[in-house]
Amino acid sequence: FDDPMLAKGLGAVFCPPASFGCGVLFVLAGVLELFVWTDDLSREPGDFGDPWGVGQYTTDMRNKELNNGRVAMFTALGIIAAEIQTGKDAVEQVGFPGGSLSGPLA
């Protein structure tokens, strides 16, 4: 992953070959949203029940899941904003040089 010809961070979304993968993921997500994960008009929006039958579809668990999703979106937004401001990708922001995990965690 240390190829200097490959873009890192947000630049990878717009440079081939990663841009092709991004396009495929975009189309796949669109197909799933439009044709597979459709809402049932007799239920509340986002109510897909308990698909695994584990008995955790409660108001408390729904609220926890909503809050978890909100935190994840703000985290992603923070990483993107920091990369735009500093020019460092997410791995470099943590302190690993060159965006590679060749440090103590490798």
C-alpha atoms as a PDB file:
ATOM      1  CA  PHE A   1       0.000   0.000   0.000  1.00  0.00           C
ATOM      2  CA  ASP A   2       2.998   2.290  -0.091  1.00  0.00           C
ATOM      3  CA  ASP A   3       2.826   2.772  -3.877  1.00  0.00           C
ATOM      4  CA  PRO A   4       3.478   6.494  -4.533  1.00  0.00           C
ATOM      5  CA  MET A   5       1.374   6.313  -7.718  1.00  0.00           C
ATOM      6  CA  LEU A   6      -1.814   5.544  -5.781  1.00  0.00           C
ATOM      7  CA  ALA A   7      -3.802   8.388  -4.265  1.00  0.00           C
ATOM      8  CA  LYS A   8      -4.536   8.282  -0.550  1.00  0.00           C
ATOM      9  CA  GLY A   9      -7.408   9.571   1.510  1.00  0.00           C
ATOM     10  CA  LEU A  10     -10.186  11.429  -0.297  1.00  0.00           C
ATOM     11  CA  GLY A  11      -8.072  11.606  -3.451  1.00  0.00           C
ATOM     12  CA  ALA A  12      -8.513   7.852  -3.896  1.00  0.00           C
ATOM     13  CA  VAL A  13     -12.245   8.325  -4.510  1.00  0.00           C
ATOM     14  CA  PHE A  14     -11.549  10.310  -7.669  1.00  0.00           C
ATOM     15  CA  CYS A  15      -8.515   8.437  -9.081  1.00  0.00           C
ATOM     16  CA  PRO A  16      -8.650   5.098 -10.902  1.00  0.00           C
ATOM     17  CA  PRO A  17      -8.765   2.249 -10.019  1.00  0.00           C
ATOM     18  CA  ALA A  18     -10.351   3.199  -6.689  1.00  0.00           C
ATOM     19  CA  SER A  19     -12.891   5.464  -8.413  1.00  0.00           C
ATOM     20  CA  PHE A  20     -14.306   2.415 -10.220  1.00  0.00           C
ATOM     21  CA  GLY A  21     -14.847   0.635  -6.904  1.00  0.00           C
ATOM     22  CA  CYS A  22     -16.495   3.732  -5.472  1.00  0.00           C
ATOM     23  CA  GLY A  23     -18.852   3.838  -8.455  1.00  0.00           C
ATOM     24  CA  VAL A  24     -19.742   0.164  -8.033  1.00  0.00           C
ATOM     25  CA  LEU A  25     -20.467   0.687  -4.327  1.00  0.00           C
ATOM     26  CA  PHE A  26     -22.633   3.718  -5.141  1.00  0.00           C
ATOM     27  CA  VAL A  27     -24.704   1.780  -7.698  1.00  0.00           C
ATOM     28  CA  LEU A  28     -24.979  -1.262  -5.399  1.00  0.00           C
ATOM     29  CA  ALA A  29     -26.169   0.904  -2.503  1.00  0.00           C
ATOM     30  CA  GLY A  30     -28.739   2.541  -4.782  1.00  0.00           C
ATOM     31  CA  VAL A  31     -30.095  -0.818  -5.982  1.00  0.00           C
ATOM     32  CA  LEU A  32     -30.353  -2.126  -2.411  1.00  0.00           C
ATOM     33  CA  GLU A  33     -32.100   1.043  -1.192  1.00  0.00           C
ATOM     34  CA  LEU A  34     -34.590   1.107  -4.075  1.00  0.00           C
ATOM     35  CA  PHE A  35     -35.444  -2.562  -4.487  1.00  0.00           C
ATOM     36  CA  VAL A  36     -34.402  -4.644  -1.457  1.00  0.00           C
ATOM     37  CA  TRP A  37     -34.688  -2.501   1.660  1.00  0.00           C
ATOM     38  CA  THR A  38     -38.081  -0.996   0.907  1.00  0.00           C
ATOM     39  CA  ASP A  39     -40.338   0.376   3.617  1.00  0.00           C
ATOM     40  CA  ASP A  40     -43.625  -1.273   4.514  1.00  0.00           C
ATOM     41  CA  LEU A  41     -46.294   1.438   4.566  1.00  0.00           C
ATOM     42  CA  SER A  42     -47.985  -0.209   7.563  1.00  0.00           C
ATOM     43  CA  ARG A  43     -44.882   0.397   9.738  1.00  0.00           C
ATOM     44  CA  GLU A  44     -42.963   3.427  10.937  1.00  0.00           C
ATOM     45  CA  PRO A  45     -40.103   4.604   8.677  1.00  0.00           C
ATOM     46  CA  GLY A  46     -36.991   2.559   9.416  1.00  0.00           C
ATOM     47  CA  ASP A  47     -38.923  -0.177  11.211  1.00  0.00           C
ATOM     48  CA  PHE A  48     -37.551  -3.426   9.812  1.00  0.00           C
ATOM     49  CA  GLY A  49     -38.516  -5.405  12.904  1.00  0.00           C
ATOM     50  CA  ASP A  50     -36.224  -7.982  14.460  1.00  0.00           C
ATOM     51  CA  PRO A  51     -34.690  -9.765  11.436  1.00  0.00           C
ATOM     52  CA  TRP A  52     -32.493 -12.122  13.465  1.00  0.00           C
ATOM     53  CA  GLY A  53     -35.135 -12.886  16.087  1.00  0.00           C
ATOM     54  CA  VAL A  54     -32.940 -11.960  19.060  1.00  0.00           C
ATOM     55  CA  GLY A  55     -35.660 -10.027  20.887  1.00  0.00           C
ATOM     56  CA  GLN A  56     -33.823  -6.712  21.000  1.00  0.00           C
ATOM     57  CA  TYR A  57     -36.243  -4.583  18.993  1.00  0.00           C
ATOM     58  CA  THR A  58     -37.197  -2.242  21.801  1.00  0.00           C
ATOM     59  CA  THR A  59     -37.516   1.526  21.992  1.00  0.00           C
ATOM     60  CA  ASP A  60     -34.323   1.676  24.047  1.00  0.00           C
ATOM     61  CA  MET A  61     -32.320  -0.328  21.484  1.00  0.00           C
ATOM     62  CA  ARG A  62     -33.729   1.740  18.597  1.00  0.00           C
ATOM     63  CA  ASN A  63     -32.632   4.936  20.337  1.00  0.00           C
ATOM     64  CA  LYS A  64     -29.171   3.490  20.996  1.00  0.00           C
ATOM     65  CA  GLU A  65     -28.854   2.504  17.340  1.00  0.00           C
ATOM     66  CA  LEU A  66     -29.930   5.969  16.162  1.00  0.00           C
ATOM     67  CA  ASN A  67     -27.417   7.625  18.473  1.00  0.00           C
ATOM     68  CA  ASN A  68     -24.666   5.231  17.339  1.00  0.00           C
ATOM     69  CA  GLY A  69     -25.396   6.111  13.709  1.00  0.00           C
ATOM     70  CA  ARG A  70     -25.319   9.830  14.469  1.00  0.00           C
ATOM     71  CA  VAL A  71     -21.954   9.546  16.219  1.00  0.00           C
ATOM     72  CA  ALA A  72     -20.567   7.543  13.276  1.00  0.00           C
ATOM     73  CA  MET A  73     -21.725  10.192  10.785  1.00  0.00           C
ATOM     74  CA  PHE A  74     -20.185  13.024  12.802  1.00  0.00           C
ATOM     75  CA  THR A  75     -16.960  11.035  13.162  1.00  0.00           C
ATOM     76  CA  ALA A  76     -16.726  10.479   9.415  1.00  0.00           C
ATOM     77  CA  LEU A  77     -17.464  14.161   8.816  1.00  0.00           C
ATOM     78  CA  GLY A  78     -14.707  15.123  11.272  1.00  0.00           C
ATOM     79  CA  ILE A  79     -12.167  12.862   9.573  1.00  0.00           C
ATOM     80  CA  ILE A  80     -13.053  14.285   6.152  1.00  0.00           C
ATOM     81  CA  ALA A  81     -12.928  17.896   7.403  1.00  0.00           C
ATOM     82  CA  ALA A  82      -9.562  17.286   9.086  1.00  0.00           C
ATOM     83  CA  GLU A  83      -8.151  15.781   5.887  1.00  0.00           C
ATOM     84  CA  ILE A  84      -9.336  18.766   3.854  1.00  0.00           C
ATOM     85  CA  GLN A  85      -7.822  21.167   6.392  1.00  0.00           C
ATOM     86  CA  THR A  86      -4.506  19.394   7.072  1.00  0.00           C
ATOM     87  CA  GLY A  87      -3.925  17.304   3.949  1.00  0.00           C
ATOM     88  CA  LYS A  88      -3.350  14.197   6.097  1.00  0.00           C
ATOM     89  CA  ASP A  89      -5.467  11.101   5.655  1.00  0.00           C
ATOM     90  CA  ALA A  90      -7.168   9.404   8.613  1.00  0.00           C
ATOM     91  CA  VAL A  91      -4.207   7.143   9.439  1.00  0.00           C
ATOM     92  CA  GLU A  92      -1.730  10.022   9.323  1.00  0.00           C
ATOM     93  CA  GLN A  93      -3.982  12.063  11.626  1.00  0.00           C
ATOM     94  CA  VAL A  94      -3.586   9.371  14.286  1.00  0.00           C
ATOM     95  CA  GLY A  95       0.183   9.745  14.068  1.00  0.00           C
ATOM     96  CA  PHE A  96       1.392   7.042  11.714  1.00  0.00           C
ATOM     97  CA  PRO A  97       3.802   8.465   9.108  1.00  0.00           C
ATOM     98  CA  GLY A  98       2.905   8.279   5.429  1.00  0.00           C
ATOM     99  CA  GLY A  99      -0.510   6.781   6.054  1.00  0.00           C
ATOM    100  CA  SER A 100       0.909   3.305   6.569  1.00  0.00           C
ATOM    101  CA  LEU A 101       0.513   1.108   9.599  1.00  0.00           C
ATOM    102  CA  SER A 102       4.201   0.289   9.845  1.00  0.00           C
ATOM    103  CA  GLY A 103       4.427   1.597  13.377  1.00  0.00           C
ATOM    104  CA  PRO A 104       3.999  -0.248  16.672  1.00  0.00           C
ATOM    105  CA  LEU A 105       0.643  -1.776  15.679  1.00  0.00           C
ATOM    106  CA  ALA A 106       1.925  -3.580  12.585  1.00  0.00           C
END
